[in-house]
Amino acid sequence: LPFLSIYLTQSLKFEIRETGIVLASYGLGAM
């Protein structure tokens, strides 16, 4: 979790908006 945003942007080369969606899906799952 602490490095998920960096993993998505740096390793998988996701755009920041795509990164936000993936992180938000973690939040939906947590809900």
Full PDB file with SEQRES, HELIX, SHEET, SSBOND, CRYST1, ORIGX, SCALE, CONECT and MASTER records, all heavy atoms in Angstrom:
SEQRES   1 A   31  LEU PRO PHE LEU SER ILE TYR LEU THR GLN SER LEU LYS          
SEQRES   2 A   31  PHE GLU ILE ARG GLU THR GLY ILE VAL LEU ALA SER TYR          
SEQRES   3 A   31  GLY LEU GLY ALA MET                                          
HELIX    1 AA1 LEU A    4  ILE A    6  1                                   3    
HELIX    2 AA2 TYR A    7  SER A   11  3                                   5    
HELIX    3 AA3 ILE A   16  ALA A   30  1                                  15    
CRYST1    1.000    1.000    1.000  90.00  90.00  90.00 P 1           1          
ORIGX1      1.000000  0.000000  0.000000        0.00000                         
ORIGX2      0.000000  1.000000  0.000000        0.00000                         
ORIGX3      0.000000  0.000000  1.000000        0.00000                         
SCALE1      1.000000  0.000000  0.000000        0.00000                         
SCALE2      0.000000  1.000000  0.000000        0.00000                         
SCALE3      0.000000  0.000000  1.000000        0.00000                         
ATOM      1  N   LEU A   1       0.798  -1.225   0.000  1.00  0.00           N  
ATOM      2  CA  LEU A   1       0.000   0.000   0.000  1.00  0.00           C  
ATOM      3  C   LEU A   1       0.832   1.278   0.000  1.00  0.00           C  
ATOM      4  O   LEU A   1       0.552   2.191  -0.785  1.00  0.00           O  
ATOM      5  CB  LEU A   1      -0.969  -0.009   1.189  1.00  0.00           C  
ATOM      6  CG  LEU A   1      -1.950   1.168   1.255  1.00  0.00           C  
ATOM      7  CD1 LEU A   1      -2.806   1.239  -0.006  1.00  0.00           C  
ATOM      8  CD2 LEU A   1      -2.838   1.051   2.498  1.00  0.00           C  
ATOM      9  N   PRO A   2       1.891   1.406   0.838  1.00  0.00           N  
ATOM     10  CA  PRO A   2       2.672   2.652   0.818  1.00  0.00           C  
ATOM     11  C   PRO A   2       3.342   2.932  -0.521  1.00  0.00           C  
ATOM     12  O   PRO A   2       3.598   4.090  -0.854  1.00  0.00           O  
ATOM     13  CB  PRO A   2       3.711   2.437   1.925  1.00  0.00           C  
ATOM     14  CG  PRO A   2       3.139   1.391   2.802  1.00  0.00           C  
ATOM     15  CD  PRO A   2       2.353   0.504   1.899  1.00  0.00           C  
ATOM     16  N   PHE A   3       3.655   1.865  -1.281  1.00  0.00           N  
ATOM     17  CA  PHE A   3       4.374   2.043  -2.540  1.00  0.00           C  
ATOM     18  C   PHE A   3       3.502   1.752  -3.763  1.00  0.00           C  
ATOM     19  O   PHE A   3       4.009   1.756  -4.885  1.00  0.00           O  
ATOM     20  CB  PHE A   3       5.619   1.136  -2.570  1.00  0.00           C  
ATOM     21  CG  PHE A   3       6.708   1.588  -1.637  1.00  0.00           C  
ATOM     22  CD1 PHE A   3       6.807   1.056  -0.359  1.00  0.00           C  
ATOM     23  CD2 PHE A   3       7.619   2.552  -2.024  1.00  0.00           C  
ATOM     24  CE1 PHE A   3       7.800   1.471   0.511  1.00  0.00           C  
ATOM     25  CE2 PHE A   3       8.625   2.977  -1.166  1.00  0.00           C  
ATOM     26  CZ  PHE A   3       8.709   2.433   0.099  1.00  0.00           C  
ATOM     27  N   LEU A   4       2.216   1.529  -3.538  1.00  0.00           N  
ATOM     28  CA  LEU A   4       1.359   1.162  -4.659  1.00  0.00           C  
ATOM     29  C   LEU A   4       1.273   2.273  -5.691  1.00  0.00           C  
ATOM     30  O   LEU A   4       1.324   2.015  -6.904  1.00  0.00           O  
ATOM     31  CB  LEU A   4      -0.042   0.796  -4.150  1.00  0.00           C  
ATOM     32  CG  LEU A   4      -1.021   0.254  -5.199  1.00  0.00           C  
ATOM     33  CD1 LEU A   4      -0.446  -0.978  -5.894  1.00  0.00           C  
ATOM     34  CD2 LEU A   4      -2.370  -0.083  -4.548  1.00  0.00           C  
ATOM     35  N   SER A   5       1.153   3.515  -5.243  1.00  0.00           N  
ATOM     36  CA  SER A   5       1.054   4.626  -6.194  1.00  0.00           C  
ATOM     37  C   SER A   5       2.336   4.767  -7.012  1.00  0.00           C  
ATOM     38  O   SER A   5       2.292   5.034  -8.219  1.00  0.00           O  
ATOM     39  CB  SER A   5       0.750   5.934  -5.458  1.00  0.00           C  
ATOM     40  OG  SER A   5       1.758   6.235  -4.508  1.00  0.00           O  
ATOM     41  N   ILE A   6       3.486   4.564  -6.368  1.00  0.00           N  
ATOM     42  CA  ILE A   6       4.768   4.649  -7.085  1.00  0.00           C  
ATOM     43  C   ILE A   6       4.934   3.455  -8.011  1.00  0.00           C  
ATOM     44  O   ILE A   6       5.426   3.581  -9.145  1.00  0.00           O  
ATOM     45  CB  ILE A   6       5.937   4.744  -6.091  1.00  0.00           C  
ATOM     46  CG1 ILE A   6       5.784   5.985  -5.212  1.00  0.00           C  
ATOM     47  CG2 ILE A   6       7.271   4.789  -6.835  1.00  0.00           C  
ATOM     48  CD1 ILE A   6       6.851   6.100  -4.150  1.00  0.00           C  
ATOM     49  N   TYR A   7       4.536   2.269  -7.562  1.00  0.00           N  
ATOM     50  CA  TYR A   7       4.596   1.063  -8.397  1.00  0.00           C  
ATOM     51  C   TYR A   7       3.784   1.243  -9.676  1.00  0.00           C  
ATOM     52  O   TYR A   7       4.235   0.891 -10.778  1.00  0.00           O  
ATOM     53  CB  TYR A   7       4.071  -0.122  -7.590  1.00  0.00           C  
ATOM     54  CG  TYR A   7       3.779  -1.366  -8.400  1.00  0.00           C  
ATOM     55  CD1 TYR A   7       4.802  -2.126  -8.967  1.00  0.00           C  
ATOM     56  CD2 TYR A   7       2.460  -1.802  -8.583  1.00  0.00           C  
ATOM     57  CE1 TYR A   7       4.526  -3.286  -9.690  1.00  0.00           C  
ATOM     58  CE2 TYR A   7       2.184  -2.955  -9.300  1.00  0.00           C  
ATOM     59  CZ  TYR A   7       3.211  -3.689  -9.858  1.00  0.00           C  
ATOM     60  OH  TYR A   7       2.938  -4.822 -10.580  1.00  0.00           O  
ATOM     61  N   LEU A   8       2.604   1.820  -9.540  1.00  0.00           N  
ATOM     62  CA  LEU A   8       1.727   1.998 -10.697  1.00  0.00           C  
ATOM     63  C   LEU A   8       2.280   3.024 -11.675  1.00  0.00           C  
ATOM     64  O   LEU A   8       2.219   2.835 -12.891  1.00  0.00           O  
ATOM     65  CB  LEU A   8       0.328   2.404 -10.232  1.00  0.00           C  
ATOM     66  CG  LEU A   8      -0.424   1.370  -9.385  1.00  0.00           C  
ATOM     67  CD1 LEU A   8      -1.713   1.971  -8.843  1.00  0.00           C  
ATOM     68  CD2 LEU A   8      -0.728   0.120 -10.193  1.00  0.00           C  
ATOM     69  N   THR A   9       2.827   4.125 -11.138  1.00  0.00           N  
ATOM     70  CA  THR A   9       3.318   5.192 -12.025  1.00  0.00           C  
ATOM     71  C   THR A   9       4.719   4.915 -12.567  1.00  0.00           C  
ATOM     72  O   THR A   9       5.008   5.225 -13.716  1.00  0.00           O  
ATOM     73  CB  THR A   9       3.317   6.541 -11.283  1.00  0.00           C  
ATOM     74  OG1 THR A   9       4.087   6.422 -10.081  1.00  0.00           O  
ATOM     75  CG2 THR A   9       1.907   6.978 -10.946  1.00  0.00           C  
ATOM     76  N   GLN A  10       5.582   4.325 -11.730  1.00  0.00           N  
ATOM     77  CA  GLN A  10       6.972   4.144 -12.138  1.00  0.00           C  
ATOM     78  C   GLN A  10       7.219   2.812 -12.840  1.00  0.00           C  
ATOM     79  O   GLN A  10       7.911   2.753 -13.851  1.00  0.00           O  
ATOM     80  CB  GLN A  10       7.894   4.255 -10.909  1.00  0.00           C  
ATOM     81  CG  GLN A  10       7.815   5.581 -10.187  1.00  0.00           C  
ATOM     82  CD  GLN A  10       8.382   6.722 -11.003  1.00  0.00           C  
ATOM     83  OE1 GLN A  10       9.417   6.582 -11.660  1.00  0.00           O  
ATOM     84  NE2 GLN A  10       7.707   7.867 -10.968  1.00  0.00           N  
ATOM     85  N   SER A  11       6.648   1.727 -12.305  1.00  0.00           N  
ATOM     86  CA  SER A  11       6.915   0.402 -12.851  1.00  0.00           C  
ATOM     87  C   SER A  11       5.952   0.034 -13.981  1.00  0.00           C  
ATOM     88  O   SER A  11       6.381  -0.429 -15.044  1.00  0.00           O  
ATOM     89  CB  SER A  11       6.841  -0.646 -11.737  1.00  0.00           C  
ATOM     90  OG  SER A  11       7.140  -1.938 -12.230  1.00  0.00           O  
ATOM     91  N   LEU A  12       4.656   0.235 -13.754  1.00  0.00           N  
ATOM     92  CA  LEU A  12       3.664  -0.118 -14.771  1.00  0.00           C  
ATOM     93  C   LEU A  12       3.365   1.025 -15.735  1.00  0.00           C  
ATOM     94  O   LEU A  12       2.606   0.845 -16.691  1.00  0.00           O  
ATOM     95  CB  LEU A  12       2.365  -0.579 -14.093  1.00  0.00           C  
ATOM     96  CG  LEU A  12       2.473  -1.826 -13.198  1.00  0.00           C  
ATOM     97  CD1 LEU A  12       1.082  -2.259 -12.732  1.00  0.00           C  
ATOM     98  CD2 LEU A  12       3.158  -2.969 -13.928  1.00  0.00           C  
ATOM     99  N   LYS A  13       3.909   2.212 -15.454  1.00  0.00           N  
ATOM    100  CA  LYS A  13       3.781   3.382 -16.343  1.00  0.00           C  
ATOM    101  C   LYS A  13       2.322   3.817 -16.516  1.00  0.00           C  
ATOM    102  O   LYS A  13       1.932   4.288 -17.588  1.00  0.00           O  
ATOM    103  CB  LYS A  13       4.406   3.100 -17.721  1.00  0.00           C  
ATOM    104  CG  LYS A  13       5.851   2.627 -17.670  1.00  0.00           C  
ATOM    105  CD  LYS A  13       6.765   3.627 -16.996  1.00  0.00           C  
ATOM    106  CE  LYS A  13       8.213   3.144 -16.978  1.00  0.00           C  
ATOM    107  NZ  LYS A  13       9.107   4.072 -16.253  1.00  0.00           N  
ATOM    108  N   PHE A  14       1.525   3.692 -15.477  1.00  0.00           N  
ATOM    109  CA  PHE A  14       0.146   4.172 -15.539  1.00  0.00           C  
ATOM    110  C   PHE A  14       0.127   5.694 -15.457  1.00  0.00           C  
ATOM    111  O   PHE A  14       0.986   6.303 -14.820  1.00  0.00           O  
ATOM    112  CB  PHE A  14      -0.677   3.604 -14.375  1.00  0.00           C  
ATOM    113  CG  PHE A  14      -1.065   2.157 -14.535  1.00  0.00           C  
ATOM    114  CD1 PHE A  14      -0.602   1.392 -15.593  1.00  0.00           C  
ATOM    115  CD2 PHE A  14      -1.902   1.557 -13.614  1.00  0.00           C  
ATOM    116  CE1 PHE A  14      -0.956   0.061 -15.725  1.00  0.00           C  
ATOM    117  CE2 PHE A  14      -2.266   0.228 -13.739  1.00  0.00           C  
ATOM    118  CZ  PHE A  14      -1.790  -0.522 -14.794  1.00  0.00           C  
ATOM    119  N   GLU A  15      -0.853   6.302 -16.113  1.00  0.00           N  
ATOM    120  CA  GLU A  15      -1.088   7.735 -15.944  1.00  0.00           C  
ATOM    121  C   GLU A  15      -1.594   7.988 -14.528  1.00  0.00           C  
ATOM    122  O   GLU A  15      -2.127   7.093 -13.871  1.00  0.00           O  
ATOM    123  CB  GLU A  15      -2.108   8.235 -16.966  1.00  0.00           C  
ATOM    124  CG  GLU A  15      -1.681   8.077 -18.417  1.00  0.00           C  
ATOM    125  CD  GLU A  15      -0.505   8.994 -18.769  1.00  0.00           C  
ATOM    126  OE1 GLU A  15      -0.363  10.053 -18.109  1.00  0.00           O  
ATOM    127  OE2 GLU A  15       0.256   8.644 -19.683  1.00  0.00           O  
ATOM    128  N   ILE A  16      -1.455   9.223 -14.059  1.00  0.00           N  
ATOM    129  CA  ILE A  16      -1.832   9.524 -12.683  1.00  0.00           C  
ATOM    130  C   ILE A  16      -3.328   9.321 -12.459  1.00  0.00           C  
ATOM    131  O   ILE A  16      -3.769   8.911 -11.384  1.00  0.00           O  
ATOM    132  CB  ILE A  16      -1.393  10.959 -12.285  1.00  0.00           C  
ATOM    133  CG1 ILE A  16      -1.505  11.129 -10.763  1.00  0.00           C  
ATOM    134  CG2 ILE A  16      -2.217  12.010 -13.012  1.00  0.00           C  
ATOM    135  CD1 ILE A  16      -0.791  12.341 -10.236  1.00  0.00           C  
ATOM    136  N   ARG A  17      -4.149   9.557 -13.494  1.00  0.00           N  
ATOM    137  CA  ARG A  17      -5.591   9.333 -13.349  1.00  0.00           C  
ATOM    138  C   ARG A  17      -5.893   7.833 -13.249  1.00  0.00           C  
ATOM    139  O   ARG A  17      -6.765   7.416 -12.492  1.00  0.00           O  
ATOM    140  CB  ARG A  17      -6.353   9.963 -14.510  1.00  0.00           C  
ATOM    141  CG  ARG A  17      -6.312  11.495 -14.496  1.00  0.00           C  
ATOM    142  CD  ARG A  17      -7.130  12.069 -15.628  1.00  0.00           C  
ATOM    143  NE  ARG A  17      -7.035  13.529 -15.664  1.00  0.00           N  
ATOM    144  CZ  ARG A  17      -7.796  14.344 -14.951  1.00  0.00           C  
ATOM    145  NH1 ARG A  17      -8.733  13.845 -14.160  1.00  0.00           N  
ATOM    146  NH2 ARG A  17      -7.653  15.653 -15.024  1.00  0.00           N  
ATOM    147  N   GLU A  18      -5.185   7.013 -14.037  1.00  0.00           N  
ATOM    148  CA  GLU A  18      -5.346   5.565 -13.934  1.00  0.00           C  
ATOM    149  C   GLU A  18      -4.899   5.074 -12.555  1.00  0.00           C  
ATOM    150  O   GLU A  18      -5.527   4.210 -11.958  1.00  0.00           O  
ATOM    151  CB  GLU A  18      -4.535   4.864 -15.028  1.00  0.00           C  
ATOM    152  CG  GLU A  18      -5.049   5.085 -16.434  1.00  0.00           C  
ATOM    153  CD  GLU A  18      -4.168   4.420 -17.475  1.00  0.00           C  
ATOM    154  OE1 GLU A  18      -2.931   4.435 -17.304  1.00  0.00           O  
ATOM    155  OE2 GLU A  18      -4.701   3.879 -18.451  1.00  0.00           O  
ATOM    156  N   THR A  19      -3.814   5.662 -12.067  1.00  0.00           N  
ATOM    157  CA  THR A  19      -3.330   5.321 -10.732  1.00  0.00           C  
ATOM    158  C   THR A  19      -4.389   5.624  -9.683  1.00  0.00           C  
ATOM    159  O   THR A  19      -4.631   4.823  -8.766  1.00  0.00           O  
ATOM    160  CB  THR A  19      -2.039   6.113 -10.426  1.00  0.00           C  
ATOM    161  OG1 THR A  19      -1.026   5.741 -11.365  1.00  0.00           O  
ATOM    162  CG2 THR A  19      -1.550   5.823  -9.013  1.00  0.00           C  
ATOM    163  N   GLY A  20      -5.037   6.769  -9.822  1.00  0.00           N  
ATOM    164  CA  GLY A  20      -6.095   7.136  -8.887  1.00  0.00           C  
ATOM    165  C   GLY A  20      -7.249   6.152  -8.906  1.00  0.00           C  
ATOM    166  O   GLY A  20      -7.829   5.824  -7.861  1.00  0.00           O  
ATOM    167  N   ILE A  21      -7.585   5.637 -10.080  1.00  0.00           N  
ATOM    168  CA  ILE A  21      -8.684   4.669 -10.196  1.00  0.00           C  
ATOM    169  C   ILE A  21      -8.326   3.353  -9.515  1.00  0.00           C  
ATOM    170  O   ILE A  21      -9.140   2.762  -8.798  1.00  0.00           O  
ATOM    171  CB  ILE A  21      -9.047   4.443 -11.679  1.00  0.00           C  
ATOM    172  CG1 ILE A  21      -9.680   5.721 -12.264  1.00  0.00           C  
ATOM    173  CG2 ILE A  21     -10.003   3.258 -11.828  1.00  0.00           C  
ATOM    174  CD1 ILE A  21      -9.895   5.662 -13.762  1.00  0.00           C  
ATOM    175  N   VAL A  22      -7.097   2.872  -9.737  1.00  0.00           N  
ATOM    176  CA  VAL A  22      -6.673   1.620  -9.098  1.00  0.00           C  
ATOM    177  C   VAL A  22      -6.647   1.781  -7.583  1.00  0.00           C  
ATOM    178  O   VAL A  22      -7.111   0.907  -6.837  1.00  0.00           O  
ATOM    179  CB  VAL A  22      -5.290   1.177  -9.614  1.00  0.00           C  
ATOM    180  CG1 VAL A  22      -4.810  -0.061  -8.850  1.00  0.00           C  
ATOM    181  CG2 VAL A  22      -5.346   0.878 -11.106  1.00  0.00           C  
ATOM    182  N   LEU A  23      -6.111   2.915  -7.115  1.00  0.00           N  
ATOM    183  CA  LEU A  23      -6.093   3.162  -5.672  1.00  0.00           C  
ATOM    184  C   LEU A  23      -7.509   3.269  -5.120  1.00  0.00           C  
ATOM    185  O   LEU A  23      -7.797   2.825  -4.012  1.00  0.00           O  
ATOM    186  CB  LEU A  23      -5.304   4.439  -5.370  1.00  0.00           C  
ATOM    187  CG  LEU A  23      -3.805   4.393  -5.665  1.00  0.00           C  
ATOM    188  CD1 LEU A  23      -3.182   5.764  -5.462  1.00  0.00           C  
ATOM    189  CD2 LEU A  23      -3.106   3.358  -4.796  1.00  0.00           C  
ATOM    190  N   ALA A  24      -8.393   3.880  -5.901  1.00  0.00           N  
ATOM    191  CA  ALA A  24      -9.788   3.987  -5.472  1.00  0.00           C  
ATOM    192  C   ALA A  24     -10.443   2.614  -5.400  1.00  0.00           C  
ATOM    193  O   ALA A  24     -11.308   2.374  -4.546  1.00  0.00           O  
ATOM    194  CB  ALA A  24     -10.562   4.891  -6.424  1.00  0.00           C  
ATOM    195  N   SER A  25     -10.044   1.693  -6.281  1.00  0.00           N  
ATOM    196  CA  SER A  25     -10.609   0.343  -6.225  1.00  0.00           C  
ATOM    197  C   SER A  25     -10.198  -0.356  -4.942  1.00  0.00           C  
ATOM    198  O   SER A  25     -10.955  -1.179  -4.398  1.00  0.00           O  
ATOM    199  CB  SER A  25     -10.168  -0.471  -7.448  1.00  0.00           C  
ATOM    200  OG  SER A  25      -8.811  -0.852  -7.366  1.00  0.00           O  
ATOM    201  N   TYR A  26      -9.017  -0.033  -4.444  1.00  0.00           N  
ATOM    202  CA  TYR A  26      -8.621  -0.556  -3.137  1.00  0.00           C  
ATOM    203  C   TYR A  26      -9.573  -0.035  -2.074  1.00  0.00           C  
ATOM    204  O   TYR A  26     -10.004  -0.764  -1.178  1.00  0.00           O  
ATOM    205  CB  TYR A  26      -7.177  -0.150  -2.801  1.00  0.00           C  
ATOM    206  CG  TYR A  26      -6.630  -0.848  -1.566  1.00  0.00           C  
ATOM    207  CD1 TYR A  26      -5.808  -1.951  -1.688  1.00  0.00           C  
ATOM    208  CD2 TYR A  26      -6.962  -0.401  -0.287  1.00  0.00           C  
ATOM    209  CE1 TYR A  26      -5.322  -2.608  -0.568  1.00  0.00           C  
ATOM    210  CE2 TYR A  26      -6.479  -1.054   0.839  1.00  0.00           C  
ATOM    211  CZ  TYR A  26      -5.658  -2.145   0.696  1.00  0.00           C  
ATOM    212  OH  TYR A  26      -5.196  -2.799   1.813  1.00  0.00           O  
ATOM    213  N   GLY A  27      -9.919   1.241  -2.177  1.00  0.00           N  
ATOM    214  CA  GLY A  27     -10.850   1.827  -1.227  1.00  0.00           C  
ATOM    215  C   GLY A  27     -12.230   1.213  -1.305  1.00  0.00           C  
ATOM    216  O   GLY A  27     -12.868   0.953  -0.277  1.00  0.00           O  
ATOM    217  N   LEU A  28     -12.716   0.955  -2.524  1.00  0.00           N  
ATOM    218  CA  LEU A  28     -14.018   0.309  -2.680  1.00  0.00           C  
ATOM    219  C   LEU A  28     -14.006  -1.094  -2.074  1.00  0.00           C  
ATOM    220  O   LEU A  28     -14.972  -1.516  -1.425  1.00  0.00           O  
ATOM    221  CB  LEU A  28     -14.393   0.242  -4.162  1.00  0.00           C  
ATOM    222  CG  LEU A  28     -14.803   1.557  -4.818  1.00  0.00           C  
ATOM    223  CD1 LEU A  28     -14.948   1.373  -6.330  1.00  0.00           C  
ATOM    224  CD2 LEU A  28     -16.110   2.087  -4.221  1.00  0.00           C  
ATOM    225  N   GLY A  29     -12.916  -1.801  -2.294  1.00  0.00           N  
ATOM    226  CA  GLY A  29     -12.788  -3.122  -1.689  1.00  0.00           C  
ATOM    227  C   GLY A  29     -12.759  -3.040  -0.173  1.00  0.00           C  
ATOM    228  O   GLY A  29     -13.343  -3.887   0.518  1.00  0.00           O  
ATOM    229  N   ALA A  30     -12.081  -2.016   0.367  1.00  0.00           N  
ATOM    230  CA  ALA A  30     -12.038  -1.829   1.816  1.00  0.00           C  
ATOM    231  C   ALA A  30     -13.426  -1.519   2.368  1.00  0.00           C  
ATOM    232  O   ALA A  30     -13.787  -1.972   3.463  1.00  0.00           O  
ATOM    233  CB  ALA A  30     -11.062  -0.702   2.169  1.00  0.00           C  
ATOM    234  N   MET A  31     -14.215  -0.736   1.617  1.00  0.00           N  
ATOM    235  CA  MET A  31     -15.592  -0.457   2.039  1.00  0.00           C  
ATOM    236  C   MET A  31     -16.407  -1.746   2.105  1.00  0.00           C  
ATOM    237  O   MET A  31     -17.097  -2.012   3.093  1.00  0.00           O  
ATOM    238  CB  MET A  31     -16.235   0.532   1.066  1.00  0.00           C  
ATOM    239  CG  MET A  31     -15.650   1.929   1.105  1.00  0.00           C  
ATOM    240  SD  MET A  31     -16.276   2.984  -0.224  1.00  0.00           S  
ATOM    241  CE  MET A  31     -18.002   3.131   0.262  1.00  0.00           C  
TER     242      MET A  31                                                      
MASTER        0    0    0    3    0    0    0    6  241    1    0    3          
END                                                                             
